[in-house]
Protein backbone atom coordinates (compact mmCIF):
# COMPACT_ATOMS: atom_id res chain seq x y z
CA MET A 1 -31.67 -24.70 4.21
CA ASP A 2 -30.03 -21.28 4.49
CA PHE A 3 -27.86 -19.98 1.65
CA ALA A 4 -27.08 -16.64 3.31
CA LEU A 5 -23.56 -15.71 4.35
CA THR A 6 -22.99 -14.80 7.98
CA PRO A 7 -22.20 -11.16 8.86
CA GLU A 8 -18.55 -12.14 9.46
CA GLN A 9 -18.33 -13.89 6.10
CA ARG A 10 -19.81 -10.86 4.31
CA GLU A 11 -17.36 -8.58 6.10
CA ILE A 12 -14.36 -10.68 5.04
CA GLN A 13 -15.70 -10.94 1.50
CA ALA A 14 -16.08 -7.15 1.31
CA LEU A 15 -12.57 -6.63 2.72
CA ALA A 16 -11.08 -8.89 0.05
CA ARG A 17 -13.19 -7.34 -2.71
CA ASP A 18 -12.25 -3.77 -1.79
CA PHE A 19 -8.56 -4.64 -1.54
CA ALA A 20 -8.63 -6.50 -4.84
CA LYS A 21 -10.32 -3.63 -6.66
CA ALA A 22 -7.92 -1.05 -5.26
CA GLU A 23 -4.59 -2.88 -5.15
CA ILE A 24 -4.78 -5.76 -7.63
CA GLU A 25 -7.21 -5.21 -10.49
CA PRO A 26 -5.61 -1.96 -11.79
CA GLN A 27 -2.21 -3.68 -12.03
CA ALA A 28 -3.28 -7.13 -13.24
CA ALA A 29 -2.64 -6.53 -16.97
CA ALA A 30 0.83 -5.16 -16.28
CA TRP A 31 1.67 -8.07 -13.97
CA ASP A 32 0.54 -10.46 -16.69
CA ARG A 33 2.91 -8.79 -19.18
CA ASP A 34 5.77 -8.56 -16.67
CA HIS A 35 5.28 -12.13 -15.40
CA GLY A 36 5.14 -11.26 -11.73
CA PHE A 37 3.71 -9.10 -8.99
CA PRO A 38 5.64 -7.41 -6.17
CA ARG A 39 6.34 -9.40 -3.01
CA GLU A 40 5.04 -6.42 -1.02
CA LEU A 41 1.51 -7.28 -2.14
CA LEU A 42 1.61 -10.46 -0.07
CA ALA A 43 2.81 -8.50 2.94
CA LYS A 44 -0.23 -6.22 2.58
CA LEU A 45 -2.51 -9.25 2.34
CA GLY A 46 -0.83 -10.60 5.46
CA GLU A 47 -1.45 -7.38 7.36
CA LEU A 48 -5.16 -7.70 6.55
CA GLY A 49 -5.20 -11.31 7.72
CA LEU A 50 -5.92 -12.61 4.22
CA MET A 51 -2.87 -14.89 4.11
CA GLY A 52 -4.21 -16.79 7.10
CA VAL A 53 -7.98 -16.32 6.88
CA CYS A 54 -8.94 -19.69 8.34
CA VAL A 55 -5.90 -20.08 10.58
CA PRO A 56 -6.77 -19.91 14.31
CA GLU A 57 -5.89 -16.68 16.06
CA GLU A 58 -3.54 -18.50 18.44
CA TYR A 59 -1.35 -19.25 15.41
CA GLY A 60 -1.43 -15.73 14.01
CA GLY A 61 -4.41 -16.08 11.68
CA ALA A 62 -7.75 -14.34 11.37
CA GLY A 63 -9.62 -17.23 12.97
CA ALA A 64 -12.39 -17.32 10.34
CA ASP A 65 -13.92 -20.43 8.79
CA PHE A 66 -13.01 -22.22 5.57
CA THR A 67 -15.98 -20.72 3.73
CA SER A 68 -14.62 -17.24 4.44
CA TYR A 69 -11.29 -18.29 2.97
CA ILE A 70 -13.05 -19.55 -0.18
CA LEU A 71 -14.82 -16.20 -0.52
CA VAL A 72 -11.46 -14.45 -0.33
CA LEU A 73 -10.01 -16.66 -3.05
CA GLU A 74 -12.90 -15.89 -5.38
CA GLU A 75 -12.49 -12.14 -4.91
CA LEU A 76 -8.71 -12.19 -5.37
CA SER A 77 -8.99 -14.41 -8.45
CA ARG A 78 -11.66 -12.14 -9.89
CA ALA A 79 -9.02 -9.39 -9.91
CA ASP A 80 -5.99 -11.54 -10.81
CA ALA A 81 -6.01 -15.33 -10.84
CA GLY A 82 -2.24 -15.38 -10.34
CA VAL A 83 -2.60 -13.68 -6.98
CA GLY A 84 -5.49 -16.02 -6.16
CA VAL A 85 -3.48 -19.18 -6.76
CA THR A 86 -0.54 -17.79 -4.81
CA VAL A 87 -2.74 -17.39 -1.75
CA ALA A 88 -4.50 -20.72 -2.40
CA VAL A 89 -1.30 -22.77 -2.50
CA HIS A 90 0.17 -20.88 0.44
CA THR A 91 -2.91 -21.58 2.58
CA SER A 92 -4.58 -24.80 1.37
CA ALA A 93 -1.49 -26.72 0.34
CA CYS A 94 1.00 -25.71 3.02
CA THR A 95 -0.35 -23.89 6.06
CA LEU A 96 -3.49 -25.95 6.65
CA PRO A 97 -1.78 -29.36 6.33
CA ILE A 98 0.74 -28.32 8.97
CA LEU A 99 -2.16 -27.33 11.20
CA SER A 100 -3.94 -30.62 10.55
CA PHE A 101 -1.07 -33.09 10.66
CA GLY A 102 1.77 -31.33 12.48
CA THR A 103 2.79 -31.72 16.10
CA ASP A 104 2.17 -28.91 18.58
CA GLY A 105 5.79 -27.87 18.13
CA GLN A 106 5.53 -27.83 14.34
CA ARG A 107 2.33 -25.80 14.41
CA SER A 108 3.81 -23.25 16.81
CA ARG A 109 7.04 -22.99 14.86
CA PHE A 110 5.90 -22.89 11.25
CA VAL A 111 2.30 -21.66 11.08
CA PRO A 112 2.50 -18.12 12.58
CA PRO A 113 5.14 -16.89 10.08
CA LEU A 114 3.04 -18.28 7.25
CA ALA A 115 -0.15 -16.67 8.55
CA ARG A 116 1.65 -13.31 8.71
CA ALA A 117 3.14 -13.80 5.21
CA GLU A 118 6.68 -13.57 6.58
CA GLY A 119 7.28 -16.67 4.50
CA ILE A 120 5.19 -18.05 1.62
CA GLY A 121 4.01 -21.66 1.53
CA CYS A 122 4.60 -24.17 -1.26
CA PHE A 123 3.47 -27.73 -2.02
CA ALA A 124 6.11 -29.99 -3.58
CA LEU A 125 4.62 -33.26 -4.77
CA THR A 126 4.80 -33.35 -8.59
CA GLU A 127 7.93 -34.61 -10.35
CA PRO A 128 8.84 -34.98 -14.04
CA GLY A 129 7.76 -38.64 -13.88
CA ALA A 130 5.03 -38.32 -11.27
CA GLY A 131 2.05 -36.11 -12.08
CA SER A 132 -1.40 -37.68 -11.88
CA ASP A 133 0.42 -40.84 -10.70
CA ALA A 134 1.86 -38.98 -7.73
CA GLY A 135 2.69 -42.22 -5.90
CA ALA A 136 5.42 -42.87 -8.47
CA LEU A 137 7.66 -40.09 -7.13
CA VAL A 138 11.37 -40.89 -6.77
CA THR A 139 12.70 -38.08 -4.56
CA ARG A 140 14.45 -39.92 -1.70
CA ALA A 141 14.63 -39.32 2.04
CA VAL A 142 17.23 -41.52 3.73
CA PRO A 143 17.85 -41.63 7.52
CA ALA A 144 21.16 -39.94 8.38
CA ASP A 145 22.70 -38.66 11.64
CA GLY A 146 19.40 -38.36 13.49
CA GLY A 147 17.65 -36.72 10.59
CA TRP A 148 17.04 -37.20 6.88
CA GLN A 149 19.10 -36.69 3.76
CA ILE A 150 16.64 -35.65 1.05
CA THR A 151 17.64 -35.80 -2.60
CA GLY A 152 15.60 -35.27 -5.73
CA SER A 153 13.74 -32.78 -7.89
CA LYS A 154 10.21 -31.38 -8.14
CA GLN A 155 8.33 -29.75 -10.98
CA TRP A 156 5.73 -26.97 -11.27
CA ILE A 157 6.10 -25.68 -7.73
CA THR A 158 4.02 -22.55 -7.22
CA ASN A 159 5.61 -19.85 -5.02
CA ALA A 160 9.06 -21.44 -4.58
CA ALA A 161 10.90 -18.28 -5.68
CA PHE A 162 9.20 -16.17 -2.99
CA GLY A 163 11.01 -17.96 -0.16
CA GLY A 164 9.36 -19.61 2.79
CA THR A 165 8.22 -23.13 3.62
CA LEU A 166 7.60 -26.19 1.47
CA LEU A 167 5.49 -29.21 2.26
CA LEU A 168 7.63 -31.73 0.38
CA PHE A 169 6.98 -35.40 -0.29
CA ALA A 170 9.76 -37.96 -0.60
CA ARG A 171 10.14 -41.74 -0.64
CA THR A 172 11.27 -43.09 2.73
CA ASP A 173 10.77 -46.77 1.90
CA GLN A 174 13.23 -47.43 -0.92
CA GLU A 175 11.97 -50.99 -1.35
CA THR A 176 8.62 -49.85 -2.75
CA ARG A 177 7.58 -47.86 -5.78
CA THR A 178 4.06 -47.18 -4.56
CA ALA A 179 2.33 -44.51 -2.52
CA ARG A 180 2.82 -46.59 0.64
CA GLY A 181 6.49 -45.67 0.93
CA VAL A 182 6.08 -41.86 0.81
CA SER A 183 6.52 -39.44 3.72
CA ALA A 184 5.96 -35.69 4.14
CA PHE A 185 8.51 -33.14 5.31
CA ILE A 186 8.53 -29.44 6.20
CA ILE A 187 11.39 -27.87 4.26
CA ASP A 188 12.84 -24.35 4.21
CA THR A 189 13.29 -22.84 0.76
CA ALA A 190 16.90 -22.12 1.80
CA ASP A 191 17.50 -25.87 1.38
CA ILE A 192 16.36 -26.02 -2.26
CA THR A 193 17.75 -24.79 -5.56
CA ILE A 194 15.48 -23.26 -8.17
CA THR A 195 16.45 -24.83 -11.48
CA ARG A 196 13.85 -23.28 -13.77
CA THR A 197 11.14 -20.65 -13.87
CA GLU A 198 8.33 -21.84 -16.11
CA GLU A 199 6.89 -19.86 -19.02
CA LYS A 200 3.14 -20.50 -19.00
CA LEU A 201 0.05 -19.91 -21.14
CA GLY A 202 -1.67 -18.05 -18.31
CA LEU A 203 -1.38 -17.20 -14.62
CA ASN A 204 1.67 -15.21 -15.64
CA SER A 205 1.69 -13.10 -12.50
CA SER A 206 2.23 -16.20 -10.33
CA VAL A 207 5.65 -17.80 -10.17
CA THR A 208 6.05 -21.47 -11.07
CA ASN A 209 9.40 -23.17 -10.50
CA ASP A 210 11.22 -26.44 -10.91
CA ILE A 211 13.38 -27.17 -7.87
CA ALA A 212 16.13 -29.54 -6.78
CA ILE A 213 17.02 -30.59 -3.26
CA ASP A 214 20.09 -32.28 -1.78
CA ALA A 215 19.99 -31.37 1.88
CA PHE A 216 20.04 -32.76 5.40
CA VAL A 217 17.03 -31.91 7.57
CA ASP A 218 16.46 -32.63 11.24
CA ALA A 219 14.20 -35.47 12.33
CA ASP A 220 11.58 -33.00 13.55
CA ARG A 221 10.92 -31.96 9.93
CA LEU A 222 8.99 -35.19 9.31
CA ILE A 223 5.28 -34.38 9.48
CA GLY A 224 2.86 -37.17 10.32
CA ALA A 225 3.89 -40.80 10.53
CA GLU A 226 6.73 -42.21 8.45
CA HIS A 227 5.49 -43.78 5.17
CA HIS A 228 2.06 -42.11 5.61
CA GLY A 229 2.79 -38.97 3.61
CA PHE A 230 0.59 -39.87 0.67
CA ARG A 231 -2.42 -39.77 2.96
CA ILE A 232 -1.46 -36.20 3.87
CA ALA A 233 -1.05 -35.31 0.19
CA MET A 234 -4.48 -36.64 -0.78
CA SER A 235 -6.20 -34.96 2.17
CA THR A 236 -4.46 -31.71 1.26
CA LEU A 237 -5.65 -31.95 -2.33
CA ASP A 238 -9.23 -32.61 -1.17
CA GLY A 239 -9.34 -29.17 0.42
CA GLY A 240 -7.10 -27.51 -2.16
CA ARG A 241 -9.46 -28.46 -4.97
CA ILE A 242 -12.22 -26.43 -3.36
CA GLY A 243 -9.88 -23.45 -3.46
CA ILE A 244 -9.10 -23.97 -7.14
CA ALA A 245 -12.82 -24.23 -7.83
CA ALA A 246 -13.30 -20.86 -6.12
CA GLN A 247 -10.50 -19.47 -8.27
CA ALA A 248 -12.29 -20.70 -11.38
CA VAL A 249 -15.53 -19.03 -10.26
CA GLY A 250 -13.68 -15.76 -9.71
CA ILE A 251 -12.15 -15.87 -13.19
CA ALA A 252 -15.52 -16.62 -14.80
CA GLN A 253 -17.25 -13.88 -12.81
CA ALA A 254 -14.68 -11.35 -14.00
CA ALA A 255 -15.21 -12.40 -17.62
CA TYR A 256 -18.98 -12.18 -17.24
CA ASP A 257 -18.73 -8.70 -15.73
CA VAL A 258 -16.75 -7.44 -18.72
CA ALA A 259 -19.01 -9.16 -21.27
CA LEU A 260 -22.19 -7.80 -19.70
CA ALA A 261 -20.87 -4.25 -19.50
CA TYR A 262 -19.63 -4.39 -23.10
CA ALA A 263 -22.91 -5.82 -24.39
CA GLN A 264 -24.85 -3.00 -22.77
CA GLU A 265 -22.66 -0.35 -24.41
CA ARG A 266 -21.65 -1.76 -27.80
CA GLU A 267 -24.00 -0.94 -30.68
CA ALA A 268 -24.46 -2.82 -33.94
CA PHE A 269 -27.18 -2.43 -36.57
CA GLY A 270 -28.44 0.58 -34.65
CA ARG A 271 -29.04 -1.28 -31.36
CA ARG A 272 -27.07 -2.28 -28.28
CA ILE A 273 -25.92 -5.85 -28.77
CA SER A 274 -27.45 -6.83 -25.42
CA GLU A 275 -30.82 -6.47 -27.17
CA PHE A 276 -30.02 -9.32 -29.56
CA GLN A 277 -31.26 -12.72 -28.49
CA ALA A 278 -28.00 -14.49 -29.38
CA ILE A 279 -26.07 -12.29 -26.94
CA GLN A 280 -28.79 -12.55 -24.29
CA HIS A 281 -28.55 -16.34 -24.43
CA LYS A 282 -24.79 -16.21 -23.94
CA LEU A 283 -25.11 -13.90 -20.95
CA ALA A 284 -27.92 -16.00 -19.46
CA ASN A 285 -25.86 -19.18 -19.73
CA MET A 286 -22.83 -17.47 -18.20
CA SER A 287 -24.84 -16.18 -15.25
CA MET A 288 -26.54 -19.54 -14.69
CA GLU A 289 -23.38 -21.64 -14.81
CA ILE A 290 -21.44 -19.26 -12.57
CA ASP A 291 -24.22 -19.45 -9.98
CA ALA A 292 -24.26 -23.26 -10.20
CA ALA A 293 -20.49 -23.50 -9.81
CA ARG A 294 -20.49 -21.09 -6.87
CA LEU A 295 -23.13 -23.17 -5.09
CA LEU A 296 -21.08 -26.34 -5.56
CA VAL A 297 -18.02 -24.57 -4.19
CA GLN A 298 -19.81 -23.15 -1.19
CA ARG A 299 -21.45 -26.50 -0.44
CA ALA A 300 -18.04 -28.20 -0.42
CA ALA A 301 -16.62 -25.45 1.81
CA TRP A 302 -19.58 -25.76 4.19
CA LEU A 303 -19.05 -29.52 4.43
CA LYS A 304 -15.40 -28.94 5.30
CA ASP A 305 -16.41 -26.46 7.99
CA GLN A 306 -18.72 -29.14 9.44
CA GLY A 307 -15.87 -31.63 9.57
CA GLU A 308 -17.52 -33.82 6.94
CA PRO A 309 -15.63 -35.69 4.17
CA VAL A 310 -15.13 -33.47 1.13
CA THR A 311 -13.37 -35.72 -1.38
CA GLU A 312 -16.41 -36.15 -3.62
CA ALA A 313 -17.88 -32.68 -3.07
CA GLY A 314 -14.52 -31.02 -3.71
CA ALA A 315 -13.97 -33.03 -6.88
CA LYS A 316 -17.42 -32.11 -8.19
CA ALA A 317 -16.89 -28.44 -7.41
CA LYS A 318 -13.49 -28.33 -9.09
CA LEU A 319 -14.58 -30.33 -12.13
CA PHE A 320 -17.68 -28.26 -12.83
CA ALA A 321 -16.20 -24.85 -11.95
CA SER A 322 -13.03 -25.34 -13.97
CA GLU A 323 -14.79 -26.55 -17.11
CA MET A 324 -17.40 -23.83 -16.68
CA ALA A 325 -14.67 -21.17 -16.44
CA ARG A 326 -12.99 -22.38 -19.61
CA ARG A 327 -16.30 -22.39 -21.50
CA GLN A 328 -17.58 -19.07 -20.27
CA THR A 329 -14.35 -17.12 -20.63
CA ALA A 330 -14.42 -18.27 -24.27
CA GLU A 331 -17.99 -17.00 -24.55
CA ALA A 332 -16.91 -13.65 -23.11
CA ILE A 333 -14.38 -13.34 -25.93
CA GLN A 334 -17.16 -14.15 -28.39
CA VAL A 335 -19.40 -11.43 -26.97
CA LEU A 336 -16.62 -8.88 -27.44
CA GLY A 337 -15.83 -10.15 -30.92
CA GLY A 338 -12.52 -8.91 -32.30
CA TYR A 339 -11.88 -6.78 -29.23
CA GLY A 340 -12.07 -9.90 -27.10
CA TYR A 341 -9.10 -11.34 -28.93
CA THR A 342 -6.92 -8.32 -28.14
CA LYS A 343 -5.17 -7.21 -24.98
CA GLU A 344 -7.18 -4.00 -24.97
CA PHE A 345 -9.73 -5.94 -22.90
CA PRO A 346 -8.91 -8.46 -20.16
CA VAL A 347 -11.09 -11.34 -21.35
CA GLU A 348 -8.26 -12.97 -23.33
CA ARG A 349 -6.28 -13.09 -20.07
CA TYR A 350 -9.22 -14.63 -18.25
CA TYR A 351 -9.43 -17.30 -20.96
CA ARG A 352 -5.73 -18.12 -20.62
CA ASP A 353 -5.94 -18.17 -16.83
CA ALA A 354 -9.02 -20.39 -16.76
CA LYS A 355 -7.47 -23.33 -18.63
CA ILE A 356 -5.05 -24.33 -15.88
CA THR A 357 -7.89 -24.87 -13.41
CA GLU A 358 -8.78 -27.99 -15.42
CA ILE A 359 -5.25 -29.34 -14.90
CA TYR A 360 -3.55 -28.53 -11.61
CA GLU A 361 -4.45 -30.08 -8.25
CA GLY A 362 -5.91 -32.98 -10.24
CA THR A 363 -6.96 -32.95 -13.89
CA SER A 364 -10.61 -33.11 -14.94
CA GLU A 365 -10.02 -36.74 -15.86
CA ILE A 366 -8.80 -37.49 -12.33
CA GLN A 367 -11.79 -35.65 -10.83
CA ARG A 368 -14.15 -37.87 -12.80
CA LEU A 369 -12.31 -40.94 -11.50
CA VAL A 370 -12.58 -39.65 -7.92
CA ILE A 371 -16.31 -39.02 -8.29
CA ALA A 372 -16.88 -42.39 -9.98
CA ARG A 373 -15.09 -44.25 -7.19
CA HIS A 374 -17.33 -42.62 -4.61
CA ILE A 375 -20.44 -43.36 -6.64
CA ARG A 376 -19.43 -47.01 -7.00
CA GLY A 377 -18.57 -47.19 -3.32
CA GLU A 378 -22.02 -45.90 -2.36
CA ARG A 379 -23.69 -48.46 -4.61
CA VAL A 380 -21.63 -51.29 -3.14
CA ARG A 381 -22.59 -50.22 0.38
CA ALA A 382 -26.25 -49.88 -0.59
CA ALA A 383 -26.26 -53.37 -2.08
CA ALA A 384 -24.57 -54.98 0.93
CA PRO A 385 -26.87 -57.11 3.13
């Protein structure tokens, strides 16, 4: 059992950390206030290979493993969780599914521009009436003139305003209202209309849009088999949840760093507050839970690199890391006291950013269902003669 990172992984981690400290962290508070970061930042990440970390070199990526990508997400999210989720959705929810399920032609056509950040990837599954019950979506794709006429609307689409490529899910079997009749399509953002830009509690630097589509697309935009799109969506979320877990770890680590530094400087009753047992216990719990979450995340990433199933491991990592981040960012505010509740320090932003990790790419309630189903499945298999 070897918990050490490889030299390549450490090098990529250091590259992401240095870039985040220099280019992201100093601007994060302003981007939070302004509700956005400049598009040029993604171009810089693309030049460094960080928009396609685990994309093979033949498709324009850095050719590293999935664990390296997870390390990058943690470092970016440590500086600004909005930047972290932008890269996570672009990579986990759009680029990698095209690599996994696309034809040779689709991979050659769509992946290199994404890996170079010439276009930004999006994942369009959720609708106003289809959130956790994603199979209930009603966006339609109807055969027409050798292609598909796609009509409908999607909600909470990260990155849509940047322009690029969407992995969009629509119902191709109009006779069903279940997941069995859903297919996946590769859509250009030129074919959609942005109907709303969401105002959010946190992650203000990332852009979240509602979109509408009423467009004809060629037949070669169908990815995977017809009516099998839900399988692609669930597989995509399995990997994406590991990325969100890494984001949560990065947010919590940032909060811990601020709380520890403050506790070692702030004085009360003639002593540094880090000398008080109550504060020491808070810091100890933060450090312990961050380490535990990081190990769950890296285990899930390692399993994915080995080609092993990651549904259960990814759900456990996301569930624990997201709830840990929400708890420990709150504790960071408590360590700072009144200052923690102000925008003079970044911990209030970390607290706001952490909450969404318990919701998107599968709520905590859904993660518990996923884990429970796997546990029950194992027991059924163990009891079988």
